Amino acid sequence: EWRFMDDAHMAKLRAQYMGDVTLIDRQIGRVLAA
């Protein structure tokens, strides 16, 4: 079912996912500061 995802796009998706992870970490930092 996932064969349509070529390696180049999967790598891009993973990089975007990691960006989301860091964004969440920054939000958790805001909560801890509060």
Full PDB file with SEQRES, HELIX, SHEET, SSBOND, CRYST1, ORIGX, SCALE, CONECT and MASTER records, all heavy atoms in Angstrom:
SEQRES   1 A   34  GLU TRP ARG PHE MET ASP ASP ALA HIS MET ALA LYS LEU          
SEQRES   2 A   34  ARG ALA GLN TYR MET GLY ASP VAL THR LEU ILE ASP ARG          
SEQRES   3 A   34  GLN ILE GLY ARG VAL LEU ALA ALA                              
HELIX    1 AA1 ASP A    7  ALA A   33  1                                  27    
CRYST1    1.000    1.000    1.000  90.00  90.00  90.00 P 1           1          
ORIGX1      1.000000  0.000000  0.000000        0.00000                         
ORIGX2      0.000000  1.000000  0.000000        0.00000                         
ORIGX3      0.000000  0.000000  1.000000        0.00000                         
SCALE1      1.000000  0.000000  0.000000        0.00000                         
SCALE2      0.000000  1.000000  0.000000        0.00000                         
SCALE3      0.000000  0.000000  1.000000        0.00000                         
ATOM      1  N   GLU A   1       0.812  -1.215   0.000  1.00  0.00           N  
ATOM      2  CA  GLU A   1       0.000   0.000   0.000  1.00  0.00           C  
ATOM      3  C   GLU A   1       0.848   1.269   0.000  1.00  0.00           C  
ATOM      4  O   GLU A   1       0.371   2.339  -0.364  1.00  0.00           O  
ATOM      5  CB  GLU A   1      -0.939   0.004   1.208  1.00  0.00           C  
ATOM      6  CG  GLU A   1      -2.067  -1.004   1.080  1.00  0.00           C  
ATOM      7  CD  GLU A   1      -3.190  -0.718   2.047  1.00  0.00           C  
ATOM      8  OE1 GLU A   1      -3.083   0.261   2.820  1.00  0.00           O  
ATOM      9  OE2 GLU A   1      -4.193  -1.458   2.015  1.00  0.00           O  
ATOM     10  N   TRP A   2       2.108   1.164   0.423  1.00  0.00           N  
ATOM     11  CA  TRP A   2       2.976   2.339   0.505  1.00  0.00           C  
ATOM     12  C   TRP A   2       4.030   2.374  -0.594  1.00  0.00           C  
ATOM     13  O   TRP A   2       4.974   3.173  -0.531  1.00  0.00           O  
ATOM     14  CB  TRP A   2       3.666   2.393   1.876  1.00  0.00           C  
ATOM     15  CG  TRP A   2       2.712   2.520   3.007  1.00  0.00           C  
ATOM     16  CD1 TRP A   2       2.378   1.585   3.921  1.00  0.00           C  
ATOM     17  CD2 TRP A   2       1.930   3.680   3.330  1.00  0.00           C  
ATOM     18  NE1 TRP A   2       1.442   2.059   4.806  1.00  0.00           N  
ATOM     19  CE2 TRP A   2       1.145   3.349   4.463  1.00  0.00           C  
ATOM     20  CE3 TRP A   2       1.809   4.954   2.768  1.00  0.00           C  
ATOM     21  CZ2 TRP A   2       0.268   4.258   5.042  1.00  0.00           C  
ATOM     22  CZ3 TRP A   2       0.932   5.851   3.362  1.00  0.00           C  
ATOM     23  CH2 TRP A   2       0.177   5.492   4.482  1.00  0.00           C  
ATOM     24  N   ARG A   3       3.896   1.558  -1.623  1.00  0.00           N  
ATOM     25  CA  ARG A   3       4.902   1.529  -2.683  1.00  0.00           C  
ATOM     26  C   ARG A   3       4.984   2.857  -3.437  1.00  0.00           C  
ATOM     27  O   ARG A   3       5.997   3.144  -4.077  1.00  0.00           O  
ATOM     28  CB  ARG A   3       4.595   0.397  -3.668  1.00  0.00           C  
ATOM     29  CG  ARG A   3       5.002  -0.978  -3.167  1.00  0.00           C  
ATOM     30  CD  ARG A   3       4.724  -2.045  -4.227  1.00  0.00           C  
ATOM     31  NE  ARG A   3       5.060  -3.372  -3.785  1.00  0.00           N  
ATOM     32  CZ  ARG A   3       6.256  -3.934  -3.911  1.00  0.00           C  
ATOM     33  NH1 ARG A   3       7.240  -3.238  -4.465  1.00  0.00           N  
ATOM     34  NH2 ARG A   3       6.481  -5.156  -3.492  1.00  0.00           N  
ATOM     35  N   PHE A   4       3.930   3.655  -3.389  1.00  0.00           N  
ATOM     36  CA  PHE A   4       3.955   4.942  -4.095  1.00  0.00           C  
ATOM     37  C   PHE A   4       4.936   5.929  -3.454  1.00  0.00           C  
ATOM     38  O   PHE A   4       5.276   6.947  -4.051  1.00  0.00           O  
ATOM     39  CB  PHE A   4       2.553   5.565  -4.131  1.00  0.00           C  
ATOM     40  CG  PHE A   4       2.033   6.014  -2.793  1.00  0.00           C  
ATOM     41  CD1 PHE A   4       2.267   7.300  -2.336  1.00  0.00           C  
ATOM     42  CD2 PHE A   4       1.305   5.145  -1.993  1.00  0.00           C  
ATOM     43  CE1 PHE A   4       1.780   7.717  -1.114  1.00  0.00           C  
ATOM     44  CE2 PHE A   4       0.820   5.557  -0.767  1.00  0.00           C  
ATOM     45  CZ  PHE A   4       1.058   6.847  -0.325  1.00  0.00           C  
ATOM     46  N   MET A   5       5.416   5.624  -2.241  1.00  0.00           N  
ATOM     47  CA  MET A   5       6.346   6.516  -1.547  1.00  0.00           C  
ATOM     48  C   MET A   5       7.775   6.145  -1.925  1.00  0.00           C  
ATOM     49  O   MET A   5       8.331   5.180  -1.419  1.00  0.00           O  
ATOM     50  CB  MET A   5       6.157   6.388  -0.040  1.00  0.00           C  
ATOM     51  CG  MET A   5       4.834   6.920   0.458  1.00  0.00           C  
ATOM     52  SD  MET A   5       4.821   8.709   0.584  1.00  0.00           S  
ATOM     53  CE  MET A   5       5.822   8.926   2.034  1.00  0.00           C  
ATOM     54  N   ASP A   6       8.397   6.894  -2.842  1.00  0.00           N  
ATOM     55  CA  ASP A   6       9.774   6.610  -3.212  1.00  0.00           C  
ATOM     56  C   ASP A   6      10.718   7.081  -2.103  1.00  0.00           C  
ATOM     57  O   ASP A   6      10.350   7.862  -1.223  1.00  0.00           O  
ATOM     58  CB  ASP A   6      10.131   7.270  -4.541  1.00  0.00           C  
ATOM     59  CG  ASP A   6       9.937   8.778  -4.513  1.00  0.00           C  
ATOM     60  OD1 ASP A   6      10.737   9.459  -3.846  1.00  0.00           O  
ATOM     61  OD2 ASP A   6       8.982   9.267  -5.144  1.00  0.00           O  
ATOM     62  N   ASP A   7      11.961   6.626  -2.174  1.00  0.00           N  
ATOM     63  CA  ASP A   7      12.915   6.901  -1.103  1.00  0.00           C  
ATOM     64  C   ASP A   7      13.184   8.390  -0.933  1.00  0.00           C  
ATOM     65  O   ASP A   7      13.363   8.869   0.197  1.00  0.00           O  
ATOM     66  CB  ASP A   7      14.236   6.172  -1.372  1.00  0.00           C  
ATOM     67  CG  ASP A   7      14.142   4.688  -1.060  1.00  0.00           C  
ATOM     68  OD1 ASP A   7      13.069   4.243  -0.622  1.00  0.00           O  
ATOM     69  OD2 ASP A   7      15.146   3.982  -1.262  1.00  0.00           O  
ATOM     70  N   ALA A   8      13.237   9.112  -2.028  1.00  0.00           N  
ATOM     71  CA  ALA A   8      13.523  10.548  -1.942  1.00  0.00           C  
ATOM     72  C   ALA A   8      12.429  11.265  -1.159  1.00  0.00           C  
ATOM     73  O   ALA A   8      12.712  12.129  -0.312  1.00  0.00           O  
ATOM     74  CB  ALA A   8      13.672  11.151  -3.335  1.00  0.00           C  
ATOM     75  N   HIS A   9      11.177  10.889  -1.426  1.00  0.00           N  
ATOM     76  CA  HIS A   9      10.094  11.558  -0.707  1.00  0.00           C  
ATOM     77  C   HIS A   9      10.030  11.090   0.744  1.00  0.00           C  
ATOM     78  O   HIS A   9       9.715  11.879   1.643  1.00  0.00           O  
ATOM     79  CB  HIS A   9       8.756  11.322  -1.384  1.00  0.00           C  
ATOM     80  CG  HIS A   9       7.662  12.182  -0.819  1.00  0.00           C  
ATOM     81  ND1 HIS A   9       7.549  13.511  -1.089  1.00  0.00           N  
ATOM     82  CD2 HIS A   9       6.665  11.893   0.069  1.00  0.00           C  
ATOM     83  CE1 HIS A   9       6.523  14.029  -0.429  1.00  0.00           C  
ATOM     84  NE2 HIS A   9       5.975  13.067   0.279  1.00  0.00           N  
ATOM     85  N   MET A  10      10.329   9.816   0.996  1.00  0.00           N  
ATOM     86  CA  MET A  10      10.339   9.339   2.373  1.00  0.00           C  
ATOM     87  C   MET A  10      11.397  10.072   3.192  1.00  0.00           C  
ATOM     88  O   MET A  10      11.180  10.395   4.359  1.00  0.00           O  
ATOM     89  CB  MET A  10      10.578   7.825   2.407  1.00  0.00           C  
ATOM     90  CG  MET A  10       9.347   7.012   2.051  1.00  0.00           C  
ATOM     91  SD  MET A  10       9.489   5.264   2.500  1.00  0.00           S  
ATOM     92  CE  MET A  10      10.710   4.723   1.312  1.00  0.00           C  
ATOM     93  N   ALA A  11      12.555  10.346   2.567  1.00  0.00           N  
ATOM     94  CA  ALA A  11      13.592  11.103   3.272  1.00  0.00           C  
ATOM     95  C   ALA A  11      13.123  12.520   3.550  1.00  0.00           C  
ATOM     96  O   ALA A  11      13.369  13.077   4.633  1.00  0.00           O  
ATOM     97  CB  ALA A  11      14.879  11.113   2.447  1.00  0.00           C  
ATOM     98  N   LYS A  12      12.447  13.118   2.580  1.00  0.00           N  
ATOM     99  CA  LYS A  12      11.927  14.470   2.778  1.00  0.00           C  
ATOM    100  C   LYS A  12      10.876  14.484   3.888  1.00  0.00           C  
ATOM    101  O   LYS A  12      10.848  15.383   4.733  1.00  0.00           O  
ATOM    102  CB  LYS A  12      11.337  15.009   1.479  1.00  0.00           C  
ATOM    103  CG  LYS A  12      10.989  16.498   1.527  1.00  0.00           C  
ATOM    104  CD  LYS A  12      10.543  16.995   0.172  1.00  0.00           C  
ATOM    105  CE  LYS A  12      10.425  18.520   0.175  1.00  0.00           C  
ATOM    106  NZ  LYS A  12       9.526  19.035   1.196  1.00  0.00           N  
ATOM    107  N   LEU A  13      10.004  13.484   3.874  1.00  0.00           N  
ATOM    108  CA  LEU A  13       8.978  13.385   4.915  1.00  0.00           C  
ATOM    109  C   LEU A  13       9.629  13.250   6.291  1.00  0.00           C  
ATOM    110  O   LEU A  13       9.192  13.873   7.266  1.00  0.00           O  
ATOM    111  CB  LEU A  13       8.069  12.197   4.637  1.00  0.00           C  
ATOM    112  CG  LEU A  13       6.966  11.936   5.664  1.00  0.00           C  
ATOM    113  CD1 LEU A  13       5.946  13.056   5.668  1.00  0.00           C  
ATOM    114  CD2 LEU A  13       6.288  10.599   5.406  1.00  0.00           C  
ATOM    115  N   ARG A  14      10.695  12.450   6.382  1.00  0.00           N  
ATOM    116  CA  ARG A  14      11.369  12.267   7.657  1.00  0.00           C  
ATOM    117  C   ARG A  14      11.986  13.578   8.141  1.00  0.00           C  
ATOM    118  O   ARG A  14      11.925  13.908   9.327  1.00  0.00           O  
ATOM    119  CB  ARG A  14      12.447  11.186   7.555  1.00  0.00           C  
ATOM    120  CG  ARG A  14      13.157  10.913   8.855  1.00  0.00           C  
ATOM    121  CD  ARG A  14      14.138   9.769   8.764  1.00  0.00           C  
ATOM    122  NE  ARG A  14      13.464   8.481   8.671  1.00  0.00           N  
ATOM    123  CZ  ARG A  14      14.029   7.322   9.002  1.00  0.00           C  
ATOM    124  NH1 ARG A  14      15.272   7.297   9.438  1.00  0.00           N  
ATOM    125  NH2 ARG A  14      13.360   6.188   8.889  1.00  0.00           N  
ATOM    126  N   ALA A  15      12.567  14.346   7.226  1.00  0.00           N  
ATOM    127  CA  ALA A  15      13.141  15.642   7.595  1.00  0.00           C  
ATOM    128  C   ALA A  15      12.056  16.593   8.090  1.00  0.00           C  
ATOM    129  O   ALA A  15      12.242  17.315   9.078  1.00  0.00           O  
ATOM    130  CB  ALA A  15      13.878  16.244   6.406  1.00  0.00           C  
ATOM    131  N   GLN A  16      10.901  16.594   7.418  1.00  0.00           N  
ATOM    132  CA  GLN A  16       9.788  17.439   7.855  1.00  0.00           C  
ATOM    133  C   GLN A  16       9.262  16.980   9.217  1.00  0.00           C  
ATOM    134  O   GLN A  16       8.912  17.807  10.075  1.00  0.00           O  
ATOM    135  CB  GLN A  16       8.665  17.378   6.815  1.00  0.00           C  
ATOM    136  CG  GLN A  16       9.046  17.960   5.469  1.00  0.00           C  
ATOM    137  CD  GLN A  16       8.039  17.617   4.369  1.00  0.00           C  
ATOM    138  OE1 GLN A  16       8.348  17.728   3.192  1.00  0.00           O  
ATOM    139  NE2 GLN A  16       6.834  17.208   4.740  1.00  0.00           N  
ATOM    140  N   TYR A  17       9.211  15.672   9.408  1.00  0.00           N  
ATOM    141  CA  TYR A  17       8.782  15.103  10.690  1.00  0.00           C  
ATOM    142  C   TYR A  17       9.700  15.582  11.813  1.00  0.00           C  
ATOM    143  O   TYR A  17       9.245  15.982  12.890  1.00  0.00           O  
ATOM    144  CB  TYR A  17       8.807  13.581  10.564  1.00  0.00           C  
ATOM    145  CG  TYR A  17       8.490  12.792  11.815  1.00  0.00           C  
ATOM    146  CD1 TYR A  17       7.227  12.239  12.010  1.00  0.00           C  
ATOM    147  CD2 TYR A  17       9.461  12.540  12.783  1.00  0.00           C  
ATOM    148  CE1 TYR A  17       6.937  11.484  13.137  1.00  0.00           C  
ATOM    149  CE2 TYR A  17       9.185  11.785  13.911  1.00  0.00           C  
ATOM    150  CZ  TYR A  17       7.926  11.265  14.082  1.00  0.00           C  
ATOM    151  OH  TYR A  17       7.647  10.506  15.199  1.00  0.00           O  
ATOM    152  N   MET A  18      11.000  15.561  11.566  1.00  0.00           N  
ATOM    153  CA  MET A  18      11.954  16.014  12.571  1.00  0.00           C  
ATOM    154  C   MET A  18      11.780  17.495  12.873  1.00  0.00           C  
ATOM    155  O   MET A  18      11.930  17.936  14.014  1.00  0.00           O  
ATOM    156  CB  MET A  18      13.375  15.697  12.111  1.00  0.00           C  
ATOM    157  CG  MET A  18      13.696  14.215  12.140  1.00  0.00           C  
ATOM    158  SD  MET A  18      15.237  13.781  11.279  1.00  0.00           S  
ATOM    159  CE  MET A  18      16.419  14.832  12.102  1.00  0.00           C  
ATOM    160  N   GLY A  19      11.430  18.279  11.844  1.00  0.00           N  
ATOM    161  CA  GLY A  19      11.118  19.680  12.089  1.00  0.00           C  
ATOM    162  C   GLY A  19       9.929  19.839  13.005  1.00  0.00           C  
ATOM    163  O   GLY A  19       9.913  20.698  13.907  1.00  0.00           O  
ATOM    164  N   ASP A  20       8.910  19.001  12.803  1.00  0.00           N  
ATOM    165  CA  ASP A  20       7.741  19.005  13.689  1.00  0.00           C  
ATOM    166  C   ASP A  20       8.139  18.631  15.116  1.00  0.00           C  
ATOM    167  O   ASP A  20       7.624  19.191  16.092  1.00  0.00           O  
ATOM    168  CB  ASP A  20       6.698  18.013  13.168  1.00  0.00           C  
ATOM    169  CG  ASP A  20       5.397  18.681  12.757  1.00  0.00           C  
ATOM    170  OD1 ASP A  20       5.143  19.817  13.198  1.00  0.00           O  
ATOM    171  OD2 ASP A  20       4.631  18.071  11.994  1.00  0.00           O  
ATOM    172  N   VAL A  21       9.038  17.656  15.257  1.00  0.00           N  
ATOM    173  CA  VAL A  21       9.507  17.244  16.575  1.00  0.00           C  
ATOM    174  C   VAL A  21      10.166  18.416  17.303  1.00  0.00           C  
ATOM    175  O   VAL A  21       9.899  18.675  18.486  1.00  0.00           O  
ATOM    176  CB  VAL A  21      10.478  16.054  16.448  1.00  0.00           C  
ATOM    177  CG1 VAL A  21      11.250  15.840  17.745  1.00  0.00           C  
ATOM    178  CG2 VAL A  21       9.727  14.785  16.069  1.00  0.00           C  
ATOM    179  N   THR A  22      11.037  19.133  16.606  1.00  0.00           N  
ATOM    180  CA  THR A  22      11.716  20.268  17.229  1.00  0.00           C  
ATOM    181  C   THR A  22      10.736  21.381  17.568  1.00  0.00           C  
ATOM    182  O   THR A  22      10.852  22.035  18.618  1.00  0.00           O  
ATOM    183  CB  THR A  22      12.831  20.799  16.314  1.00  0.00           C  
ATOM    184  OG1 THR A  22      13.804  19.754  16.116  1.00  0.00           O  
ATOM    185  CG2 THR A  22      13.521  22.013  16.908  1.00  0.00           C  
ATOM    186  N   LEU A  23       9.742  21.606  16.710  1.00  0.00           N  
ATOM    187  CA  LEU A  23       8.714  22.602  17.014  1.00  0.00           C  
ATOM    188  C   LEU A  23       7.987  22.226  18.301  1.00  0.00           C  
ATOM    189  O   LEU A  23       7.744  23.090  19.171  1.00  0.00           O  
ATOM    190  CB  LEU A  23       7.736  22.719  15.852  1.00  0.00           C  
ATOM    191  CG  LEU A  23       6.630  23.765  15.988  1.00  0.00           C  
ATOM    192  CD1 LEU A  23       6.261  24.338  14.626  1.00  0.00           C  
ATOM    193  CD2 LEU A  23       5.372  23.186  16.635  1.00  0.00           C  
ATOM    194  N   ILE A  24       7.623  20.952  18.452  1.00  0.00           N  
ATOM    195  CA  ILE A  24       6.946  20.506  19.668  1.00  0.00           C  
ATOM    196  C   ILE A  24       7.840  20.705  20.877  1.00  0.00           C  
ATOM    197  O   ILE A  24       7.388  21.156  21.943  1.00  0.00           O  
ATOM    198  CB  ILE A  24       6.528  19.025  19.526  1.00  0.00           C  
ATOM    199  CG1 ILE A  24       5.390  18.894  18.527  1.00  0.00           C  
ATOM    200  CG2 ILE A  24       6.119  18.441  20.876  1.00  0.00           C  
ATOM    201  CD1 ILE A  24       5.071  17.475  18.157  1.00  0.00           C  
ATOM    202  N   ASP A  25       9.119  20.389  20.732  1.00  0.00           N  
ATOM    203  CA  ASP A  25      10.051  20.583  21.839  1.00  0.00           C  
ATOM    204  C   ASP A  25      10.086  22.048  22.273  1.00  0.00           C  
ATOM    205  O   ASP A  25      10.130  22.344  23.477  1.00  0.00           O  
ATOM    206  CB  ASP A  25      11.449  20.116  21.423  1.00  0.00           C  
ATOM    207  CG  ASP A  25      12.429  20.171  22.574  1.00  0.00           C  
ATOM    208  OD1 ASP A  25      12.484  19.211  23.356  1.00  0.00           O  
ATOM    209  OD2 ASP A  25      13.143  21.191  22.707  1.00  0.00           O  
ATOM    210  N   ARG A  26      10.047  22.957  21.323  1.00  0.00           N  
ATOM    211  CA  ARG A  26      10.033  24.388  21.658  1.00  0.00           C  
ATOM    212  C   ARG A  26       8.754  24.743  22.408  1.00  0.00           C  
ATOM    213  O   ARG A  26       8.764  25.573  23.328  1.00  0.00           O  
ATOM    214  CB  ARG A  26      10.152  25.224  20.382  1.00  0.00           C  
ATOM    215  CG  ARG A  26      11.427  24.970  19.596  1.00  0.00           C  
ATOM    216  CD  ARG A  26      12.607  25.752  20.100  1.00  0.00           C  
ATOM    217  NE  ARG A  26      13.855  25.337  19.462  1.00  0.00           N  
ATOM    218  CZ  ARG A  26      14.297  25.771  18.293  1.00  0.00           C  
ATOM    219  NH1 ARG A  26      13.587  26.647  17.603  1.00  0.00           N  
ATOM    220  NH2 ARG A  26      15.445  25.346  17.801  1.00  0.00           N  
ATOM    221  N   GLN A  27       7.641  24.132  22.024  1.00  0.00           N  
ATOM    222  CA  GLN A  27       6.377  24.411  22.713  1.00  0.00           C  
ATOM    223  C   GLN A  27       6.411  23.863  24.141  1.00  0.00           C  
ATOM    224  O   GLN A  27       5.907  24.502  25.080  1.00  0.00           O  
ATOM    225  CB  GLN A  27       5.198  23.801  21.948  1.00  0.00           C  
ATOM    226  CG  GLN A  27       5.102  24.217  20.487  1.00  0.00           C  
ATOM    227  CD  GLN A  27       5.282  25.705  20.281  1.00  0.00           C  
ATOM    228  OE1 GLN A  27       4.576  26.528  20.862  1.00  0.00           O  
ATOM    229  NE2 GLN A  27       6.251  26.065  19.447  1.00  0.00           N  
ATOM    230  N   ILE A  28       7.016  22.701  24.315  1.00  0.00           N  
ATOM    231  CA  ILE A  28       7.160  22.153  25.660  1.00  0.00           C  
ATOM    232  C   ILE A  28       8.044  23.071  26.503  1.00  0.00           C  
ATOM    233  O   ILE A  28       7.785  23.291  27.690  1.00  0.00           O  
ATOM    234  CB  ILE A  28       7.736  20.721  25.596  1.00  0.00           C  
ATOM    235  CG1 ILE A  28       6.696  19.779  24.961  1.00  0.00           C  
ATOM    236  CG2 ILE A  28       8.142  20.221  26.973  1.00  0.00           C  
ATOM    237  CD1 ILE A  28       7.206  18.383  24.690  1.00  0.00           C  
ATOM    238  N   GLY A  29       9.064  23.642  25.880  1.00  0.00           N  
ATOM    239  CA  GLY A  29       9.890  24.620  26.578  1.00  0.00           C  
ATOM    240  C   GLY A  29       9.083  25.811  27.052  1.00  0.00           C  
ATOM    241  O   GLY A  29       9.306  26.328  28.168  1.00  0.00           O  
ATOM    242  N   ARG A  30       8.139  26.270  26.240  1.00  0.00           N  
ATOM    243  CA  ARG A  30       7.261  27.381  26.640  1.00  0.00           C  
ATOM    244  C   ARG A  30       6.425  26.989  27.861  1.00  0.00           C  
ATOM    245  O   ARG A  30       6.241  27.792  28.794  1.00  0.00           O  
ATOM    246  CB  ARG A  30       6.334  27.765  25.493  1.00  0.00           C  
ATOM    247  CG  ARG A  30       7.002  28.374  24.276  1.00  0.00           C  
ATOM    248  CD  ARG A  30       5.987  28.592  23.169  1.00  0.00           C  
ATOM    249  NE  ARG A  30       4.935  29.520  23.577  1.00  0.00           N  
ATOM    250  CZ  ARG A  30       3.730  29.597  22.982  1.00  0.00           C  
ATOM    251  NH1 ARG A  30       3.430  28.769  21.987  1.00  0.00           N  
ATOM    252  NH2 ARG A  30       2.837  30.474  23.406  1.00  0.00           N  
ATOM    253  N   VAL A  31       5.925  25.761  27.868  1.00  0.00           N  
ATOM    254  CA  VAL A  31       5.091  25.300  28.983  1.00  0.00           C  
ATOM    255  C   VAL A  31       5.924  25.195  30.260  1.00  0.00           C  
ATOM    256  O   VAL A  31       5.483  25.611  31.341  1.00  0.00           O  
ATOM    257  CB  VAL A  31       4.444  23.948  28.634  1.00  0.00           C  
ATOM    258  CG1 VAL A  31       3.724  23.358  29.844  1.00  0.00           C  
ATOM    259  CG2 VAL A  31       3.466  24.109  27.468  1.00  0.00           C  
ATOM    260  N   LEU A  32       7.130  24.651  30.152  1.00  0.00           N  
ATOM    261  CA  LEU A  32       7.987  24.519  31.327  1.00  0.00           C  
ATOM    262  C   LEU A  32       8.330  25.898  31.901  1.00  0.00           C  
ATOM    263  O   LEU A  32       8.350  26.087  33.119  1.00  0.00           O  
ATOM    264  CB  LEU A  32       9.264  23.765  30.967  1.00  0.00           C  
ATOM    265  CG  LEU A  32       9.081  22.315  30.502  1.00  0.00           C  
ATOM    266  CD1 LEU A  32      10.432  21.703  30.152  1.00  0.00           C  
ATOM    267  CD2 LEU A  32       8.381  21.486  31.560  1.00  0.00           C  
ATOM    268  N   ALA A  33       8.610  26.855  31.009  1.00  0.00           N  
ATOM    269  CA  ALA A  33       8.910  28.214  31.474  1.00  0.00           C  
ATOM    270  C   ALA A  33       7.709  28.824  32.190  1.00  0.00           C  
ATOM    271  O   ALA A  33       7.851  29.483  33.234  1.00  0.00           O  
ATOM    272  CB  ALA A  33       9.334  29.082  30.293  1.00  0.00           C  
ATOM    273  N   ALA A  34       6.510  28.588  31.647  1.00  0.00           N  
ATOM    274  CA  ALA A  34       5.296  29.125  32.277  1.00  0.00           C  
ATOM    275  C   ALA A  34       5.068  28.505  33.653  1.00  0.00           C  
ATOM    276  O   ALA A  34       4.674  29.201  34.603  1.00  0.00           O  
ATOM    277  CB  ALA A  34       4.088  28.880  31.376  1.00  0.00           C  
TER     278      ALA A  34                                                      
MASTER        0    0    0    1    0    0    0    6  277    1    0    3          
END                                                                             
